[in-house]
PDB file of N, CA and C in Angstrom:
ATOM      1  N   MET A   1       0.850  -1.168   0.000  1.00  0.00           N
ATOM      2  CA  MET A   1       0.000   0.000   0.000  1.00  0.00           C
ATOM      3  C   MET A   1       0.902   1.240   0.000  1.00  0.00           C
ATOM      4  N   THR A   2       0.621   2.131  -0.904  1.00  0.00           N
ATOM      5  CA  THR A   2       1.427   3.344  -1.011  1.00  0.00           C
ATOM      6  C   THR A   2       0.903   4.418  -0.072  1.00  0.00           C
ATOM      7  N   GLY A   3       1.669   5.468   0.041  1.00  0.00           N
ATOM      8  CA  GLY A   3       1.254   6.578   0.891  1.00  0.00           C
ATOM      9  C   GLY A   3      -0.001   7.273   0.386  1.00  0.00           C
ATOM     10  N   ALA A   4      -0.128   7.350  -0.932  1.00  0.00           N
ATOM     11  CA  ALA A   4      -1.305   7.995  -1.522  1.00  0.00           C
ATOM     12  C   ALA A   4      -2.569   7.196  -1.223  1.00  0.00           C
ATOM     13  N   GLU A   5      -2.484   5.872  -1.291  1.00  0.00           N
ATOM     14  CA  GLU A   5      -3.647   5.039  -0.977  1.00  0.00           C
ATOM     15  C   GLU A   5      -4.038   5.189   0.488  1.00  0.00           C
ATOM     16  N   THR A   6      -3.037   5.256   1.356  1.00  0.00           N
ATOM     17  CA  THR A   6      -3.307   5.428   2.775  1.00  0.00           C
ATOM     18  C   THR A   6      -3.999   6.758   3.040  1.00  0.00           C
ATOM     19  N   LEU A   7      -3.535   7.808   2.387  1.00  0.00           N
ATOM     20  CA  LEU A   7      -4.165   9.109   2.547  1.00  0.00           C
ATOM     21  C   LEU A   7      -5.586   9.129   1.987  1.00  0.00           C
ATOM     22  N   ASP A   8      -5.817   8.431   0.876  1.00  0.00           N
ATOM     23  CA  ASP A   8      -7.169   8.346   0.320  1.00  0.00           C
ATOM     24  C   ASP A   8      -8.120   7.647   1.275  1.00  0.00           C
ATOM     25  N   ILE A   9      -7.658   6.557   1.878  1.00  0.00           N
ATOM     26  CA  ILE A   9      -8.499   5.828   2.834  1.00  0.00           C
ATOM     27  C   ILE A   9      -8.783   6.682   4.058  1.00  0.00           C
ATOM     28  N   ALA A  10      -7.765   7.369   4.562  1.00  0.00           N
ATOM     29  CA  ALA A  10      -7.945   8.229   5.732  1.00  0.00           C
ATOM     30  C   ALA A  10      -8.885   9.381   5.413  1.00  0.00           C
ATOM     31  N   ARG A  11      -8.733   9.991   4.235  1.00  0.00           N
ATOM     32  CA  ARG A  11      -9.609  11.085   3.833  1.00  0.00           C
ATOM     33  C   ARG A  11     -11.056  10.612   3.701  1.00  0.00           C
ATOM     34  N   ASP A  12     -11.228   9.436   3.107  1.00  0.00           N
ATOM     35  CA  ASP A  12     -12.571   8.879   2.945  1.00  0.00           C
ATOM     36  C   ASP A  12     -13.222   8.625   4.305  1.00  0.00           C
ATOM     37  N   GLY A  13     -12.444   8.110   5.251  1.00  0.00           N
ATOM     38  CA  GLY A  13     -12.976   7.880   6.589  1.00  0.00           C
ATOM     39  C   GLY A  13     -13.330   9.164   7.305  1.00  0.00           C
ATOM     40  N   LEU A  14     -12.486  10.183   7.189  1.00  0.00           N
ATOM     41  CA  LEU A  14     -12.771  11.462   7.842  1.00  0.00           C
ATOM     42  C   LEU A  14     -13.980  12.160   7.230  1.00  0.00           C
ATOM     43  N   ILE A  15     -14.094  12.112   5.912  1.00  0.00           N
ATOM     44  CA  ILE A  15     -15.251  12.724   5.262  1.00  0.00           C
ATOM     45  C   ILE A  15     -16.529  12.011   5.667  1.00  0.00           C
ATOM     46  N   THR A  16     -16.476  10.685   5.730  1.00  0.00           N
ATOM     47  CA  THR A  16     -17.649   9.921   6.159  1.00  0.00           C
ATOM     48  C   THR A  16     -18.023  10.280   7.595  1.00  0.00           C
ATOM     49  N   MET A  17     -17.030  10.414   8.466  1.00  0.00           N
ATOM     50  CA  MET A  17     -17.297  10.787   9.851  1.00  0.00           C
ATOM     51  C   MET A  17     -17.958  12.160   9.935  1.00  0.00           C
ATOM     52  N   LEU A  18     -17.463  13.125   9.171  1.00  0.00           N
ATOM     53  CA  LEU A  18     -18.042  14.463   9.203  1.00  0.00           C
ATOM     54  C   LEU A  18     -19.462  14.482   8.658  1.00  0.00           C
ATOM     55  N   VAL A  19     -19.698  13.728   7.588  1.00  0.00           N
ATOM     56  CA  VAL A  19     -21.039  13.687   6.996  1.00  0.00           C
ATOM     57  C   VAL A  19     -22.025  13.018   7.953  1.00  0.00           C
ATOM     58  N   ILE A  20     -21.583  11.977   8.640  1.00  0.00           N
ATOM     59  CA  ILE A  20     -22.465  11.278   9.569  1.00  0.00           C
ATOM     60  C   ILE A  20     -22.766  12.139  10.791  1.00  0.00           C
ATOM     61  N   ALA A  21     -21.787  12.897  11.258  1.00  0.00           N
ATOM     62  CA  ALA A  21     -21.981  13.716  12.451  1.00  0.00           C
ATOM     63  C   ALA A  21     -22.731  15.009  12.162  1.00  0.00           C
ATOM     64  N   ALA A  22     -22.783  15.429  10.918  1.00  0.00           N
ATOM     65  CA  ALA A  22     -23.365  16.723  10.565  1.00  0.00           C
ATOM     66  C   ALA A  22     -24.826  16.896  10.984  1.00  0.00           C
ATOM     67  N   PRO A  23     -25.736  15.940  10.741  1.00  0.00           N
ATOM     68  CA  PRO A  23     -27.126  16.185  11.140  1.00  0.00           C
ATOM     69  C   PRO A  23     -27.292  16.419  12.642  1.00  0.00           C
ATOM     70  N   CYS A  24     -26.628  15.613  13.457  1.00  0.00           N
ATOM     71  CA  CYS A  24     -26.741  15.783  14.911  1.00  0.00           C
ATOM     72  C   CYS A  24     -26.138  17.105  15.358  1.00  0.00           C
ATOM     73  N   MET A  25     -25.015  17.461  14.783  1.00  0.00           N
ATOM     74  CA  MET A  25     -24.370  18.715  15.171  1.00  0.00           C
ATOM     75  C   MET A  25     -25.199  19.923  14.751  1.00  0.00           C
ATOM     76  N   LEU A  26     -25.770  19.877  13.558  1.00  0.00           N
ATOM     77  CA  LEU A  26     -26.577  21.002  13.093  1.00  0.00           C
ATOM     78  C   LEU A  26     -27.859  21.153  13.905  1.00  0.00           C
ATOM     79  N   VAL A  27     -28.504  20.036  14.210  1.00  0.00           N
ATOM     80  CA  VAL A  27     -29.724  20.098  15.024  1.00  0.00           C
ATOM     81  C   VAL A  27     -29.402  20.623  16.420  1.00  0.00           C
ATOM     82  N   SER A  28     -28.314  20.146  16.991  1.00  0.00           N
ATOM     83  CA  SER A  28     -27.906  20.609  18.314  1.00  0.00           C
ATOM     84  C   SER A  28     -27.590  22.102  18.294  1.00  0.00           C
ATOM     85  N   LEU A  29     -26.945  22.558  17.236  1.00  0.00           N
ATOM     86  CA  LEU A  29     -26.622  23.978  17.103  1.00  0.00           C
ATOM     87  C   LEU A  29     -27.880  24.832  17.008  1.00  0.00           C
ATOM     88  N   VAL A  30     -28.817  24.419  16.173  1.00  0.00           N
ATOM     89  CA  VAL A  30     -30.046  25.196  15.984  1.00  0.00           C
ATOM     90  C   VAL A  30     -30.881  25.222  17.263  1.00  0.00           C
ATOM     91  N   VAL A  31     -31.027  24.069  17.908  1.00  0.00           N
ATOM     92  CA  VAL A  31     -31.819  24.018  19.143  1.00  0.00           C
ATOM     93  C   VAL A  31     -31.134  24.825  20.238  1.00  0.00           C
ATOM     94  N   GLY A  32     -29.828  24.712  20.364  1.00  0.00           N
ATOM     95  CA  GLY A  32     -29.102  25.470  21.380  1.00  0.00           C
ATOM     96  C   GLY A  32     -29.208  26.966  21.149  1.00  0.00           C
ATOM     97  N   LEU A  33     -29.101  27.390  19.897  1.00  0.00           N
ATOM     98  CA  LEU A  33     -29.220  28.804  19.582  1.00  0.00           C
ATOM     99  C   LEU A  33     -30.628  29.317  19.869  1.00  0.00           C
ATOM    100  N   THR A  34     -31.626  28.518  19.532  1.00  0.00           N
ATOM    101  CA  THR A  34     -33.007  28.908  19.792  1.00  0.00           C
ATOM    102  C   THR A  34     -33.282  29.026  21.286  1.00  0.00           C
ATOM    103  N   VAL A  35     -32.822  28.047  22.050  1.00  0.00           N
ATOM    104  CA  VAL A  35     -33.042  28.080  23.495  1.00  0.00           C
ATOM    105  C   VAL A  35     -32.271  29.239  24.123  1.00  0.00           C
ATOM    106  N   SER A  36     -31.064  29.496  23.676  1.00  0.00           N
ATOM    107  CA  SER A  36     -30.286  30.622  24.206  1.00  0.00           C
ATOM    108  C   SER A  36     -30.955  31.953  23.901  1.00  0.00           C
ATOM    109  N   LEU A  37     -31.482  32.074  22.692  1.00  0.00           N
ATOM    110  CA  LEU A  37     -32.204  33.289  22.338  1.00  0.00           C
ATOM    111  C   LEU A  37     -33.458  33.449  23.200  1.00  0.00           C
ATOM    112  N   PHE A  38     -34.175  32.352  23.410  1.00  0.00           N
ATOM    113  CA  PHE A  38     -35.356  32.378  24.273  1.00  0.00           C
ATOM    114  C   PHE A  38     -34.980  32.783  25.699  1.00  0.00           C
ATOM    115  N   GLN A  39     -33.890  32.239  26.210  1.00  0.00           N
ATOM    116  CA  GLN A  39     -33.447  32.577  27.561  1.00  0.00           C
ATOM    117  C   GLN A  39     -33.022  34.039  27.654  1.00  0.00           C
ATOM    118  N   ALA A  40     -32.365  34.536  26.636  1.00  0.00           N
ATOM    119  CA  ALA A  40     -31.935  35.931  26.663  1.00  0.00           C
ATOM    120  C   ALA A  40     -33.121  36.887  26.588  1.00  0.00           C
ATOM    121  N   LEU A  41     -34.122  36.514  25.811  1.00  0.00           N
ATOM    122  CA  LEU A  41     -35.286  37.395  25.668  1.00  0.00           C
ATOM    123  C   LEU A  41     -36.174  37.390  26.899  1.00  0.00           C
ATOM    124  N   THR A  42     -36.312  36.233  27.535  1.00  0.00           N
ATOM    125  CA  THR A  42     -37.213  36.133  28.689  1.00  0.00           C
ATOM    126  C   THR A  42     -36.490  36.227  30.023  1.00  0.00           C
ATOM    127  N   GLN A  43     -35.166  36.224  30.020  1.00  0.00           N
ATOM    128  CA  GLN A  43     -34.333  36.268  31.218  1.00  0.00           C
ATOM    129  C   GLN A  43     -34.606  35.104  32.166  1.00  0.00           C
ATOM    130  N   ILE A  44     -34.967  33.963  31.587  1.00  0.00           N
ATOM    131  CA  ILE A  44     -35.118  32.725  32.355  1.00  0.00           C
ATOM    132  C   ILE A  44     -33.768  32.022  32.295  1.00  0.00           C
ATOM    133  N   GLN A  45     -33.129  31.823  33.432  1.00  0.00           N
ATOM    134  CA  GLN A  45     -31.798  31.211  33.469  1.00  0.00           C
ATOM    135  C   GLN A  45     -31.861  29.831  34.119  1.00  0.00           C
ATOM    136  N   GLU A  46     -32.649  28.962  33.560  1.00  0.00           N
ATOM    137  CA  GLU A  46     -32.789  27.604  34.074  1.00  0.00           C
ATOM    138  C   GLU A  46     -31.795  26.702  33.339  1.00  0.00           C
ATOM    139  N   ILE A  47     -30.993  25.973  34.094  1.00  0.00           N
ATOM    140  CA  ILE A  47     -29.948  25.130  33.497  1.00  0.00           C
ATOM    141  C   ILE A  47     -30.554  23.995  32.668  1.00  0.00           C
ATOM    142  N   THR A  48     -31.586  23.360  33.191  1.00  0.00           N
ATOM    143  CA  THR A  48     -32.164  22.208  32.494  1.00  0.00           C
ATOM    144  C   THR A  48     -32.863  22.604  31.206  1.00  0.00           C
ATOM    145  N   LEU A  49     -33.191  23.870  31.061  1.00  0.00           N
ATOM    146  CA  LEU A  49     -33.867  24.320  29.847  1.00  0.00           C
ATOM    147  C   LEU A  49     -32.974  24.177  28.623  1.00  0.00           C
ATOM    148  N   THR A  50     -31.662  24.171  28.814  1.00  0.00           N
ATOM    149  CA  THR A  50     -30.760  24.014  27.664  1.00  0.00           C
ATOM    150  C   THR A  50     -30.558  22.551  27.288  1.00  0.00           C
ATOM    151  N   PHE A  51     -30.593  21.650  28.268  1.00  0.00           N
ATOM    152  CA  PHE A  51     -30.272  20.250  27.996  1.00  0.00           C
ATOM    153  C   PHE A  51     -31.455  19.432  27.498  1.00  0.00           C
ATOM    154  N   VAL A  52     -32.609  19.620  28.087  1.00  0.00           N
ATOM    155  CA  VAL A  52     -33.762  18.779  27.752  1.00  0.00           C
ATOM    156  C   VAL A  52     -34.189  18.936  26.288  1.00  0.00           C
ATOM    157  N   PRO A  53     -34.348  20.151  25.759  1.00  0.00           N
ATOM    158  CA  PRO A  53     -34.718  20.246  24.334  1.00  0.00           C
ATOM    159  C   PRO A  53     -33.660  19.660  23.404  1.00  0.00           C
ATOM    160  N   LYS A  54     -32.372  19.839  23.746  1.00  0.00           N
ATOM    161  CA  LYS A  54     -31.315  19.266  22.914  1.00  0.00           C
ATOM    162  C   LYS A  54     -31.380  17.751  22.918  1.00  0.00           C
ATOM    163  N   MET A  55     -31.597  17.168  24.087  1.00  0.00           N
ATOM    164  CA  MET A  55     -31.667  15.705  24.165  1.00  0.00           C
ATOM    165  C   MET A  55     -32.845  15.167  23.369  1.00  0.00           C
ATOM    166  N   ILE A  56     -33.989  15.815  23.472  1.00  0.00           N
ATOM    167  CA  ILE A  56     -35.171  15.378  22.729  1.00  0.00           C
ATOM    168  C   ILE A  56     -34.931  15.527  21.223  1.00  0.00           C
ATOM    169  N   ALA A  57     -34.371  16.666  20.826  1.00  0.00           N
ATOM    170  CA  ALA A  57     -34.114  16.898  19.400  1.00  0.00           C
ATOM    171  C   ALA A  57     -33.092  15.901  18.858  1.00  0.00           C
ATOM    172  N   LEU A  58     -32.067  15.585  19.644  1.00  0.00           N
ATOM    173  CA  LEU A  58     -31.065  14.626  19.185  1.00  0.00           C
ATOM    174  C   LEU A  58     -31.636  13.216  19.083  1.00  0.00           C
ATOM    175  N   LYS A  59     -32.517  12.842  20.002  1.00  0.00           N
ATOM    176  CA  LYS A  59     -33.155  11.528  19.895  1.00  0.00           C
ATOM    177  C   LYS A  59     -33.991  11.438  18.628  1.00  0.00           C
ATOM    178  N   VAL A  60     -34.754  12.478  18.338  1.00  0.00           N
ATOM    179  CA  VAL A  60     -35.576  12.485  17.123  1.00  0.00           C
ATOM    180  C   VAL A  60     -34.684  12.455  15.883  1.00  0.00           C
ATOM    181  N   THR A  61     -33.601  13.225  15.914  1.00  0.00           N
ATOM    182  CA  THR A  61     -32.667  13.240  14.782  1.00  0.00           C
ATOM    183  C   THR A  61     -32.053  11.874  14.560  1.00  0.00           C
ATOM    184  N   LEU A  62     -31.630  11.215  15.637  1.00  0.00           N
ATOM    185  CA  LEU A  62     -31.048   9.889  15.488  1.00  0.00           C
ATOM    186  C   LEU A  62     -32.057   8.878  14.969  1.00  0.00           C
ATOM    187  N   ILE A  63     -33.291   8.964  15.432  1.00  0.00           N
ATOM    188  CA  ILE A  63     -34.324   8.048  14.937  1.00  0.00           C
ATOM    189  C   ILE A  63     -34.537   8.248  13.439  1.00  0.00           C
ATOM    190  N   LEU A  64     -34.520   9.507  12.999  1.00  0.00           N
ATOM    191  CA  LEU A  64     -34.754   9.790  11.584  1.00  0.00           C
ATOM    192  C   LEU A  64     -33.543   9.457  10.708  1.00  0.00           C
ATOM    193  N   PHE A  65     -32.343   9.746  11.184  1.00  0.00           N
ATOM    194  CA  PHE A  65     -31.154   9.633  10.351  1.00  0.00           C
ATOM    195  C   PHE A  65     -30.358   8.356  10.567  1.00  0.00           C
ATOM    196  N   LEU A  66     -30.697   7.537  11.543  1.00  0.00           N
ATOM    197  CA  LEU A  66     -29.897   6.343  11.817  1.00  0.00           C
ATOM    198  C   LEU A  66     -29.833   5.372  10.636  1.00  0.00           C
ATOM    199  N   PRO A  67     -30.922   5.124   9.903  1.00  0.00           N
ATOM    200  CA  PRO A  67     -30.782   4.237   8.726  1.00  0.00           C
ATOM    201  C   PRO A  67     -29.810   4.804   7.683  1.00  0.00           C
ATOM    202  N   TRP A  68     -29.862   6.094   7.457  1.00  0.00           N
ATOM    203  CA  TRP A  68     -28.957   6.721   6.503  1.00  0.00           C
ATOM    204  C   TRP A  68     -27.516   6.661   7.006  1.00  0.00           C
ATOM    205  N   MET A  69     -27.323   6.894   8.301  1.00  0.00           N
ATOM    206  CA  MET A  69     -25.980   6.812   8.879  1.00  0.00           C
ATOM    207  C   MET A  69     -25.423   5.394   8.759  1.00  0.00           C
ATOM    208  N   GLY A  70     -26.254   4.411   9.017  1.00  0.00           N
ATOM    209  CA  GLY A  70     -25.828   3.023   8.872  1.00  0.00           C
ATOM    210  C   GLY A  70     -25.467   2.686   7.446  1.00  0.00           C
ATOM    211  N   TYR A  71     -26.224   3.215   6.499  1.00  0.00           N
ATOM    212  CA  TYR A  71     -25.911   2.998   5.085  1.00  0.00           C
ATOM    213  C   TYR A  71     -24.563   3.606   4.732  1.00  0.00           C
ATOM    214  N   ARG A  72     -24.289   4.816   5.223  1.00  0.00           N
ATOM    215  CA  ARG A  72     -23.012   5.473   4.920  1.00  0.00           C
ATOM    216  C   ARG A  72     -21.838   4.702   5.506  1.00  0.00           C
ATOM    217  N   ILE A  73     -21.984   4.242   6.746  1.00  0.00           N
ATOM    218  CA  ILE A  73     -20.916   3.459   7.375  1.00  0.00           C
ATOM    219  C   ILE A  73     -20.744   2.126   6.650  1.00  0.00           C
ATOM    220  N   GLY A  74     -21.859   1.509   6.275  1.00  0.00           N
ATOM    221  CA  GLY A  74     -21.784   0.242   5.533  1.00  0.00           C
ATOM    222  C   GLY A  74     -21.108   0.396   4.190  1.00  0.00           C
ATOM    223  N   SER A  75     -21.397   1.495   3.492  1.00  0.00           N
ATOM    224  CA  SER A  75     -20.752   1.708   2.194  1.00  0.00           C
ATOM    225  C   SER A  75     -19.260   1.988   2.364  1.00  0.00           C
ATOM    226  N   LEU A  76     -18.870   2.670   3.442  1.00  0.00           N
ATOM    227  CA  LEU A  76     -17.442   2.861   3.713  1.00  0.00           C
ATOM    228  C   LEU A  76     -16.775   1.521   3.978  1.00  0.00           C
ATOM    229  N   MET A  77     -17.415   0.682   4.777  1.00  0.00           N
ATOM    230  CA  MET A  77     -16.840  -0.627   5.083  1.00  0.00           C
ATOM    231  C   MET A  77     -16.753  -1.494   3.832  1.00  0.00           C
ATOM    232  N   GLU A  78     -17.731  -1.374   2.954  1.00  0.00           N
ATOM    233  CA  GLU A  78     -17.700  -2.137   1.700  1.00  0.00           C
ATOM    234  C   GLU A  78     -16.528  -1.701   0.831  1.00  0.00           C
ATOM    235  N   ARG A  79     -16.312  -0.387   0.739  1.00  0.00           N
ATOM    236  CA  ARG A  79     -15.172   0.106  -0.044  1.00  0.00           C
ATOM    237  C   ARG A  79     -13.847  -0.351   0.566  1.00  0.00           C
ATOM    238  N   LEU A  80     -13.758  -0.307   1.893  1.00  0.00           N
ATOM    239  CA  LEU A  80     -12.526  -0.765   2.549  1.00  0.00           C
ATOM    240  C   LEU A  80     -12.315  -2.260   2.348  1.00  0.00           C
ATOM    241  N   SER A  81     -13.385  -3.042   2.414  1.00  0.00           N
ATOM    242  CA  SER A  81     -13.275  -4.481   2.204  1.00  0.00           C
ATOM    243  C   SER A  81     -12.825  -4.795   0.788  1.00  0.00           C
ATOM    244  N   GLN A  82     -13.365  -4.077  -0.186  1.00  0.00           N
ATOM    245  CA  GLN A  82     -12.946  -4.289  -1.567  1.00  0.00           C
ATOM    246  C   GLN A  82     -11.484  -3.911  -1.749  1.00  0.00           C
ATOM    247  N   HIS A  83     -11.074  -2.861  -1.075  1.00  0.00           N
ATOM    248  CA  HIS A  83      -9.672  -2.449  -1.172  1.00  0.00           C
ATOM    249  C   HIS A  83      -8.743  -3.483  -0.542  1.00  0.00           C
ATOM    250  N   ILE A  84      -9.156  -4.036   0.587  1.00  0.00           N
ATOM    251  CA  ILE A  84      -8.353  -5.063   1.247  1.00  0.00           C
ATOM    252  C   ILE A  84      -8.301  -6.328   0.387  1.00  0.00           C
ATOM    253  N   ALA A  85      -9.460  -6.703  -0.184  1.00  0.00           N
ATOM    254  CA  ALA A  85      -9.508  -7.924  -0.990  1.00  0.00           C
ATOM    255  C   ALA A  85      -8.697  -7.797  -2.283  1.00  0.00           C
ATOM    256  N   SER A  86      -8.652  -6.598  -2.831  1.00  0.00           N
ATOM    257  CA  SER A  86      -7.910  -6.425  -4.089  1.00  0.00           C
ATOM    258  C   SER A  86      -6.406  -6.372  -3.863  1.00  0.00           C
ATOM    259  N   GLY A  87      -6.009  -6.156  -2.619  1.00  0.00           N
ATOM    260  CA  GLY A  87      -4.577  -6.199  -2.320  1.00  0.00           C
ATOM    261  C   GLY A  87      -4.047  -4.834  -2.331  1.00  0.00           C
TER     262      GLY A  87
END
């Protein structure tokens, strides 16, 4: 295996990781920003108000995106397996 092949495999893995993490990170960002804006406007400084909506939103996001995430990870593993099998 050459250095270029190793870098291609590493790049493919990192891109897959970023794509898989993106929906959860974006949902968490939007919910956190919304809750922070709500807290700033109403001056309610409750600690649990930031965590509970994020947890609920992340659970819903994972339920919706988990099949797609599994497909992406499976396709990465398939490409790696083909690369290993081809030598």
